[in-house]
Amino acid sequence: MLAERINEVPLGAVITVLADDPAAYTDIPAWCRLKSHQFVGSLEIKPRGWAFNVRRSY
């Protein structure tokens, strides 16, 4: 879904992705490296899940 929606935010803007799939913890930073977007960071949301921040680079 991130790949489909990243172009909806302005260049340089940060989009937050909410996920409860443990694979997202490694997949989102890897996708950012592959697609040259900036992985800003993540925050664990209890009881299970994460918020991932990604800055649109192009």
Protein backbone atom coordinates (compact mmCIF):
# COMPACT_ATOMS: atom_id res chain seq x y z
CA MET A 1 0.00 0.00 0.00
CA LEU A 2 2.91 2.35 0.69
CA ALA A 3 4.09 2.03 -2.91
CA GLU A 4 0.61 2.91 -4.15
CA ARG A 5 0.14 5.94 -1.88
CA ILE A 6 3.62 7.54 -1.59
CA ASN A 7 3.01 9.74 -4.66
CA GLU A 8 -0.05 11.32 -3.00
CA VAL A 9 2.10 13.29 -0.56
CA PRO A 10 4.30 16.27 -1.54
CA LEU A 11 8.02 15.81 -2.14
CA GLY A 12 9.87 15.91 1.16
CA ALA A 13 6.75 15.11 3.17
CA VAL A 14 6.66 12.28 5.68
CA ILE A 15 4.02 9.57 5.44
CA THR A 16 3.24 7.32 8.41
CA VAL A 17 2.43 3.68 7.80
CA LEU A 18 0.63 1.72 10.50
CA ALA A 19 1.23 -2.03 10.44
CA ASP A 20 0.68 -5.05 12.62
CA ASP A 21 2.52 -7.54 10.38
CA PRO A 22 5.94 -8.34 11.91
CA ALA A 23 7.42 -8.58 8.40
CA ALA A 24 6.81 -4.85 7.92
CA TYR A 25 9.54 -4.15 10.48
CA THR A 26 12.16 -5.28 7.95
CA ASP A 27 10.20 -4.86 4.71
CA ILE A 28 9.51 -1.12 4.95
CA PRO A 29 13.13 -0.03 5.57
CA ALA A 30 14.26 -2.40 2.79
CA TRP A 31 11.65 -0.96 0.41
CA CYS A 32 12.89 2.56 1.24
CA ARG A 33 16.47 1.60 0.36
CA LEU A 34 15.34 -0.10 -2.86
CA LYS A 35 13.18 2.84 -3.96
CA SER A 36 15.49 5.61 -2.67
CA HIS A 37 13.01 7.06 -0.18
CA GLN A 38 14.21 7.99 3.31
CA PHE A 39 13.23 5.72 6.19
CA VAL A 40 12.84 8.19 9.06
CA GLY A 41 12.13 5.72 11.85
CA SER A 42 9.63 3.53 13.60
CA LEU A 43 7.69 3.51 16.82
CA GLU A 44 6.23 0.45 18.50
CA ILE A 45 2.53 0.73 19.24
CA LYS A 46 1.43 -1.51 22.09
CA PRO A 47 0.04 -4.15 22.33
CA ARG A 48 1.16 -5.09 18.82
CA GLY A 49 2.08 -3.03 15.84
CA TRP A 50 4.30 -0.24 14.58
CA ALA A 51 4.19 3.20 13.03
CA PHE A 52 6.79 3.66 10.30
CA ASN A 53 7.74 7.12 9.00
CA VAL A 54 8.94 7.46 5.43
CA ARG A 55 10.01 10.70 3.69
CA ARG A 56 9.18 10.95 -0.01
CA SER A 57 12.38 11.65 -1.95
CA TYR A 58 11.10 11.97 -5.52
